Amino acid sequence: MDDLMFSKRLKALRTEKGYSQEQMSALLNISRSRLSMYEQGKREPCFSILIDIADFFNVSIDYLLGRTNTK
């Protein structure tokens, strides 16, 4: 996984939708600090969280991971 691409895209999607880290972490049922670490590239999500993020933003996992530029 390209940590930097994932972290940039996750943060961009979150801010585009107008969610704070607090709101987004609550919706994903994870801690705000975990979400922050994802956005900083300091931690990678497990597969189930990755799927939840893709589903929530209606984008492909390939988009989140930087394998395509098509959402």
PDB file of N, CA and C in Angstrom:
ATOM      1  N   MET A   1       0.849  -1.176   0.000  1.00  0.00           N
ATOM      2  CA  MET A   1       0.000   0.000   0.000  1.00  0.00           C
ATOM      3  C   MET A   1       0.891   1.234   0.000  1.00  0.00           C
ATOM      4  N   ASP A   2       0.560   2.182  -0.833  1.00  0.00           N
ATOM      5  CA  ASP A   2       1.271   3.466  -0.855  1.00  0.00           C
ATOM      6  C   ASP A   2       0.699   4.316   0.278  1.00  0.00           C
ATOM      7  N   ASP A   3       1.397   4.309   1.423  1.00  0.00           N
ATOM      8  CA  ASP A   3       0.890   4.998   2.614  1.00  0.00           C
ATOM      9  C   ASP A   3       0.606   6.468   2.357  1.00  0.00           C
ATOM     10  N   LEU A   4       1.509   7.125   1.640  1.00  0.00           N
ATOM     11  CA  LEU A   4       1.329   8.560   1.418  1.00  0.00           C
ATOM     12  C   LEU A   4       0.124   8.844   0.540  1.00  0.00           C
ATOM     13  N   MET A   5      -0.069   8.034  -0.494  1.00  0.00           N
ATOM     14  CA  MET A   5      -1.225   8.239  -1.369  1.00  0.00           C
ATOM     15  C   MET A   5      -2.512   7.970  -0.590  1.00  0.00           C
ATOM     16  N   PHE A   6      -2.531   6.874   0.160  1.00  0.00           N
ATOM     17  CA  PHE A   6      -3.726   6.553   0.942  1.00  0.00           C
ATOM     18  C   PHE A   6      -4.029   7.672   1.933  1.00  0.00           C
ATOM     19  N   SER A   7      -3.023   8.105   2.659  1.00  0.00           N
ATOM     20  CA  SER A   7      -3.256   9.134   3.684  1.00  0.00           C
ATOM     21  C   SER A   7      -3.741  10.438   3.062  1.00  0.00           C
ATOM     22  N   LYS A   8      -3.157  10.821   1.926  1.00  0.00           N
ATOM     23  CA  LYS A   8      -3.583  12.057   1.252  1.00  0.00           C
ATOM     24  C   LYS A   8      -5.017  11.942   0.758  1.00  0.00           C
ATOM     25  N   ARG A   9      -5.335  10.811   0.160  1.00  0.00           N
ATOM     26  CA  ARG A   9      -6.688  10.640  -0.383  1.00  0.00           C
ATOM     27  C   ARG A   9      -7.729  10.544   0.717  1.00  0.00           C
ATOM     28  N   LEU A  10      -7.399   9.866   1.800  1.00  0.00           N
ATOM     29  CA  LEU A  10      -8.336   9.764   2.911  1.00  0.00           C
ATOM     30  C   LEU A  10      -8.641  11.148   3.478  1.00  0.00           C
ATOM     31  N   LYS A  11      -7.614  11.920   3.721  1.00  0.00           N
ATOM     32  CA  LYS A  11      -7.819  13.257   4.281  1.00  0.00           C
ATOM     33  C   LYS A  11      -8.592  14.138   3.305  1.00  0.00           C
ATOM     34  N   ALA A  12      -8.252  14.052   2.011  1.00  0.00           N
ATOM     35  CA  ALA A  12      -8.940  14.857   1.004  1.00  0.00           C
ATOM     36  C   ALA A  12     -10.425  14.501   0.942  1.00  0.00           C
ATOM     37  N   LEU A  13     -10.737  13.214   0.952  1.00  0.00           N
ATOM     38  CA  LEU A  13     -12.138  12.792   0.901  1.00  0.00           C
ATOM     39  C   LEU A  13     -12.888  13.270   2.135  1.00  0.00           C
ATOM     40  N   ARG A  14     -12.252  13.137   3.291  1.00  0.00           N
ATOM     41  CA  ARG A  14     -12.898  13.561   4.541  1.00  0.00           C
ATOM     42  C   ARG A  14     -13.192  15.055   4.522  1.00  0.00           C
ATOM     43  N   THR A  15     -12.199  15.848   4.121  1.00  0.00           N
ATOM     44  CA  THR A  15     -12.397  17.299   4.136  1.00  0.00           C
ATOM     45  C   THR A  15     -13.359  17.754   3.032  1.00  0.00           C
ATOM     46  N   GLU A  16     -13.340  17.078   1.885  1.00  0.00           N
ATOM     47  CA  GLU A  16     -14.291  17.407   0.816  1.00  0.00           C
ATOM     48  C   GLU A  16     -15.731  17.238   1.293  1.00  0.00           C
ATOM     49  N   LYS A  17     -15.952  16.222   2.102  1.00  0.00           N
ATOM     50  CA  LYS A  17     -17.302  15.959   2.620  1.00  0.00           C
ATOM     51  C   LYS A  17     -17.623  16.799   3.848  1.00  0.00           C
ATOM     52  N   GLY A  18     -16.640  17.525   4.367  1.00  0.00           N
ATOM     53  CA  GLY A  18     -16.878  18.421   5.488  1.00  0.00           C
ATOM     54  C   GLY A  18     -16.908  17.756   6.852  1.00  0.00           C
ATOM     55  N   TYR A  19     -16.296  16.580   6.965  1.00  0.00           N
ATOM     56  CA  TYR A  19     -16.275  15.877   8.242  1.00  0.00           C
ATOM     57  C   TYR A  19     -15.013  16.225   9.024  1.00  0.00           C
ATOM     58  N   SER A  20     -15.166  16.389  10.327  1.00  0.00           N
ATOM     59  CA  SER A  20     -14.004  16.520  11.212  1.00  0.00           C
ATOM     60  C   SER A  20     -13.462  15.106  11.458  1.00  0.00           C
ATOM     61  N   GLN A  21     -12.274  15.027  12.019  1.00  0.00           N
ATOM     62  CA  GLN A  21     -11.741  13.712  12.378  1.00  0.00           C
ATOM     63  C   GLN A  21     -12.636  13.047  13.424  1.00  0.00           C
ATOM     64  N   GLU A  22     -13.148  13.835  14.334  1.00  0.00           N
ATOM     65  CA  GLU A  22     -14.040  13.299  15.372  1.00  0.00           C
ATOM     66  C   GLU A  22     -15.282  12.658  14.744  1.00  0.00           C
ATOM     67  N   GLN A  23     -15.906  13.380  13.825  1.00  0.00           N
ATOM     68  CA  GLN A  23     -17.113  12.867  13.175  1.00  0.00           C
ATOM     69  C   GLN A  23     -16.815  11.615  12.357  1.00  0.00           C
ATOM     70  N   MET A  24     -15.747  11.675  11.573  1.00  0.00           N
ATOM     71  CA  MET A  24     -15.399  10.553  10.693  1.00  0.00           C
ATOM     72  C   MET A  24     -15.044   9.312  11.500  1.00  0.00           C
ATOM     73  N   SER A  25     -14.276   9.494  12.560  1.00  0.00           N
ATOM     74  CA  SER A  25     -13.884   8.339  13.375  1.00  0.00           C
ATOM     75  C   SER A  25     -15.115   7.707  14.038  1.00  0.00           C
ATOM     76  N   ALA A  26     -16.060   8.522  14.447  1.00  0.00           N
ATOM     77  CA  ALA A  26     -17.284   7.989  15.044  1.00  0.00           C
ATOM     78  C   ALA A  26     -18.079   7.185  14.019  1.00  0.00           C
ATOM     79  N   LEU A  27     -18.153   7.685  12.796  1.00  0.00           N
ATOM     80  CA  LEU A  27     -18.882   6.980  11.738  1.00  0.00           C
ATOM     81  C   LEU A  27     -18.228   5.652  11.377  1.00  0.00           C
ATOM     82  N   LEU A  28     -16.899   5.601  11.465  1.00  0.00           N
ATOM     83  CA  LEU A  28     -16.163   4.375  11.143  1.00  0.00           C
ATOM     84  C   LEU A  28     -15.984   3.470  12.363  1.00  0.00           C
ATOM     85  N   ASN A  29     -16.409   3.971  13.518  1.00  0.00           N
ATOM     86  CA  ASN A  29     -16.283   3.226  14.777  1.00  0.00           C
ATOM     87  C   ASN A  29     -14.816   2.919  15.116  1.00  0.00           C
ATOM     88  N   ILE A  30     -13.962   3.929  14.927  1.00  0.00           N
ATOM     89  CA  ILE A  30     -12.556   3.843  15.313  1.00  0.00           C
ATOM     90  C   ILE A  30     -12.221   5.088  16.129  1.00  0.00           C
ATOM     91  N   SER A  31     -11.082   5.083  16.779  1.00  0.00           N
ATOM     92  CA  SER A  31     -10.698   6.261  17.566  1.00  0.00           C
ATOM     93  C   SER A  31     -10.217   7.380  16.644  1.00  0.00           C
ATOM     94  N   ARG A  32     -10.332   8.610  17.146  1.00  0.00           N
ATOM     95  CA  ARG A  32      -9.855   9.751  16.374  1.00  0.00           C
ATOM     96  C   ARG A  32      -8.346   9.654  16.173  1.00  0.00           C
ATOM     97  N   SER A  33      -7.635   9.169  17.166  1.00  0.00           N
ATOM     98  CA  SER A  33      -6.179   9.053  17.027  1.00  0.00           C
ATOM     99  C   SER A  33      -5.798   8.039  15.953  1.00  0.00           C
ATOM    100  N   ARG A  34      -6.563   6.976  15.812  1.00  0.00           N
ATOM    101  CA  ARG A  34      -6.292   5.997  14.754  1.00  0.00           C
ATOM    102  C   ARG A  34      -6.509   6.633  13.384  1.00  0.00           C
ATOM    103  N   LEU A  35      -7.605   7.364  13.227  1.00  0.00           N
ATOM    104  CA  LEU A  35      -7.864   8.049  11.966  1.00  0.00           C
ATOM    105  C   LEU A  35      -6.748   9.049  11.664  1.00  0.00           C
ATOM    106  N   SER A  36      -6.323   9.769  12.670  1.00  0.00           N
ATOM    107  CA  SER A  36      -5.230  10.725  12.511  1.00  0.00           C
ATOM    108  C   SER A  36      -3.958  10.025  12.035  1.00  0.00           C
ATOM    109  N   MET A  37      -3.668   8.869  12.605  1.00  0.00           N
ATOM    110  CA  MET A  37      -2.475   8.118  12.185  1.00  0.00           C
ATOM    111  C   MET A  37      -2.603   7.645  10.737  1.00  0.00           C
ATOM    112  N   TYR A  38      -3.805   7.252  10.322  1.00  0.00           N
ATOM    113  CA  TYR A  38      -4.022   6.892   8.920  1.00  0.00           C
ATOM    114  C   TYR A  38      -3.712   8.092   8.033  1.00  0.00           C
ATOM    115  N   GLU A  39      -4.214   9.247   8.406  1.00  0.00           N
ATOM    116  CA  GLU A  39      -4.033  10.447   7.597  1.00  0.00           C
ATOM    117  C   GLU A  39      -2.591  10.946   7.591  1.00  0.00           C
ATOM    118  N   GLN A  40      -1.825  10.589   8.594  1.00  0.00           N
ATOM    119  CA  GLN A  40      -0.417  10.970   8.654  1.00  0.00           C
ATOM    120  C   GLN A  40       0.499   9.919   8.036  1.00  0.00           C
ATOM    121  N   GLY A  41      -0.073   8.779   7.636  1.00  0.00           N
ATOM    122  CA  GLY A  41       0.724   7.707   7.068  1.00  0.00           C
ATOM    123  C   GLY A  41       1.520   6.933   8.105  1.00  0.00           C
ATOM    124  N   LYS A  42       1.121   7.030   9.367  1.00  0.00           N
ATOM    125  CA  LYS A  42       1.827   6.342  10.447  1.00  0.00           C
ATOM    126  C   LYS A  42       1.227   4.978  10.773  1.00  0.00           C
ATOM    127  N   ARG A  43       0.084   4.686  10.202  1.00  0.00           N
ATOM    128  CA  ARG A  43      -0.599   3.428  10.457  1.00  0.00           C
ATOM    129  C   ARG A  43      -1.419   3.064   9.232  1.00  0.00           C
ATOM    130  N   GLU A  44      -1.572   1.767   8.986  1.00  0.00           N
ATOM    131  CA  GLU A  44      -2.388   1.287   7.877  1.00  0.00           C
ATOM    132  C   GLU A  44      -3.663   0.649   8.422  1.00  0.00           C
ATOM    133  N   PRO A  45      -4.776   0.846   7.734  1.00  0.00           N
ATOM    134  CA  PRO A  45      -6.023   0.235   8.201  1.00  0.00           C
ATOM    135  C   PRO A  45      -6.054  -1.256   7.883  1.00  0.00           C
ATOM    136  N   CYS A  46      -6.797  -2.001   8.669  1.00  0.00           N
ATOM    137  CA  CYS A  46      -7.031  -3.408   8.347  1.00  0.00           C
ATOM    138  C   CYS A  46      -7.981  -3.454   7.142  1.00  0.00           C
ATOM    139  N   PHE A  47      -8.108  -4.622   6.562  1.00  0.00           N
ATOM    140  CA  PHE A  47      -8.945  -4.747   5.370  1.00  0.00           C
ATOM    141  C   PHE A  47     -10.386  -4.311   5.615  1.00  0.00           C
ATOM    142  N   SER A  48     -10.935  -4.676   6.751  1.00  0.00           N
ATOM    143  CA  SER A  48     -12.343  -4.348   6.993  1.00  0.00           C
ATOM    144  C   SER A  48     -12.553  -2.833   7.094  1.00  0.00           C
ATOM    145  N   ILE A  49     -11.619  -2.117   7.708  1.00  0.00           N
ATOM    146  CA  ILE A  49     -11.728  -0.655   7.791  1.00  0.00           C
ATOM    147  C   ILE A  49     -11.522  -0.040   6.407  1.00  0.00           C
ATOM    148  N   LEU A  50     -10.591  -0.583   5.642  1.00  0.00           N
ATOM    149  CA  LEU A  50     -10.361  -0.093   4.280  1.00  0.00           C
ATOM    150  C   LEU A  50     -11.634  -0.226   3.441  1.00  0.00           C
ATOM    151  N   ILE A  51     -12.301  -1.340   3.573  1.00  0.00           N
ATOM    152  CA  ILE A  51     -13.567  -1.560   2.859  1.00  0.00           C
ATOM    153  C   ILE A  51     -14.622  -0.567   3.342  1.00  0.00           C
ATOM    154  N   ASP A  52     -14.704  -0.375   4.661  1.00  0.00           N
ATOM    155  CA  ASP A  52     -15.671   0.586   5.216  1.00  0.00           C
ATOM    156  C   ASP A  52     -15.429   1.997   4.688  1.00  0.00           C
ATOM    157  N   ILE A  53     -14.163   2.399   4.603  1.00  0.00           N
ATOM    158  CA  ILE A  53     -13.823   3.733   4.098  1.00  0.00           C
ATOM    159  C   ILE A  53     -14.230   3.861   2.632  1.00  0.00           C
ATOM    160  N   ALA A  54     -13.891   2.851   1.829  1.00  0.00           N
ATOM    161  CA  ALA A  54     -14.248   2.871   0.404  1.00  0.00           C
ATOM    162  C   ALA A  54     -15.764   2.928   0.225  1.00  0.00           C
ATOM    163  N   ASP A  55     -16.477   2.131   0.982  1.00  0.00           N
ATOM    164  CA  ASP A  55     -17.938   2.120   0.892  1.00  0.00           C
ATOM    165  C   ASP A  55     -18.532   3.451   1.332  1.00  0.00           C
ATOM    166  N   PHE A  56     -18.017   3.998   2.426  1.00  0.00           N
ATOM    167  CA  PHE A  56     -18.540   5.248   2.947  1.00  0.00           C
ATOM    168  C   PHE A  56     -18.417   6.380   1.928  1.00  0.00           C
ATOM    169  N   PHE A  57     -17.255   6.472   1.280  1.00  0.00           N
ATOM    170  CA  PHE A  57     -17.016   7.544   0.315  1.00  0.00           C
ATOM    171  C   PHE A  57     -17.410   7.163  -1.112  1.00  0.00           C
ATOM    172  N   ASN A  58     -17.901   5.943  -1.278  1.00  0.00           N
ATOM    173  CA  ASN A  58     -18.319   5.461  -2.594  1.00  0.00           C
ATOM    174  C   ASN A  58     -17.180   5.565  -3.614  1.00  0.00           C
ATOM    175  N   VAL A  59     -16.011   5.107  -3.205  1.00  0.00           N
ATOM    176  CA  VAL A  59     -14.842   5.057  -4.081  1.00  0.00           C
ATOM    177  C   VAL A  59     -14.292   3.636  -4.041  1.00  0.00           C
ATOM    178  N   SER A  60     -13.442   3.313  -5.006  1.00  0.00           N
ATOM    179  CA  SER A  60     -12.847   1.984  -5.021  1.00  0.00           C
ATOM    180  C   SER A  60     -11.644   1.929  -4.076  1.00  0.00           C
ATOM    181  N   ILE A  61     -11.338   0.736  -3.649  1.00  0.00           N
ATOM    182  CA  ILE A  61     -10.134   0.542  -2.842  1.00  0.00           C
ATOM    183  C   ILE A  61      -8.908   0.895  -3.678  1.00  0.00           C
ATOM    184  N   ASP A  62      -8.937   0.582  -4.961  1.00  0.00           N
ATOM    185  CA  ASP A  62      -7.815   0.944  -5.838  1.00  0.00           C
ATOM    186  C   ASP A  62      -7.591   2.452  -5.841  1.00  0.00           C
ATOM    187  N   TYR A  63      -8.658   3.229  -5.807  1.00  0.00           N
ATOM    188  CA  TYR A  63      -8.510   4.686  -5.739  1.00  0.00           C
ATOM    189  C   TYR A  63      -7.842   5.080  -4.424  1.00  0.00           C
ATOM    190  N   LEU A  64      -8.313   4.541  -3.320  1.00  0.00           N
ATOM    191  CA  LEU A  64      -7.731   4.865  -2.020  1.00  0.00           C
ATOM    192  C   LEU A  64      -6.244   4.530  -1.960  1.00  0.00           C
ATOM    193  N   LEU A  65      -5.872   3.433  -2.603  1.00  0.00           N
ATOM    194  CA  LEU A  65      -4.476   2.985  -2.552  1.00  0.00           C
ATOM    195  C   LEU A  65      -3.594   3.612  -3.620  1.00  0.00           C
ATOM    196  N   GLY A  66      -4.188   4.427  -4.480  1.00  0.00           N
ATOM    197  CA  GLY A  66      -3.396   5.104  -5.495  1.00  0.00           C
ATOM    198  C   GLY A  66      -3.117   4.279  -6.735  1.00  0.00           C
ATOM    199  N   ARG A  67      -3.866   3.187  -6.909  1.00  0.00           N
ATOM    200  CA  ARG A  67      -3.670   2.332  -8.090  1.00  0.00           C
ATOM    201  C   ARG A  67      -4.413   2.860  -9.301  1.00  0.00           C
ATOM    202  N   THR A  68      -5.339   3.775  -9.079  1.00  0.00           N
ATOM    203  CA  THR A  68      -6.083   4.416 -10.161  1.00  0.00           C
ATOM    204  C   THR A  68      -6.482   5.817  -9.704  1.00  0.00           C
ATOM    205  N   ASN A  69      -6.728   6.681 -10.658  1.00  0.00           N
ATOM    206  CA  ASN A  69      -7.210   8.014 -10.334  1.00  0.00           C
ATOM    207  C   ASN A  69      -8.717   8.125 -10.500  1.00  0.00           C
ATOM    208  N   THR A  70      -9.352   7.033 -10.892  1.00  0.00           N
ATOM    209  CA  THR A  70     -10.801   6.990 -11.049  1.00  0.00           C
ATOM    210  C   THR A  70     -11.421   6.585  -9.725  1.00  0.00           C
ATOM    211  N   LYS A  71     -12.267   7.455  -9.200  1.00  0.00           N
ATOM    212  CA  LYS A  71     -12.887   7.156  -7.905  1.00  0.00           C
ATOM    213  C   LYS A  71     -13.801   5.954  -8.016  1.00  0.00           C
TER     214      LYS A  71
END
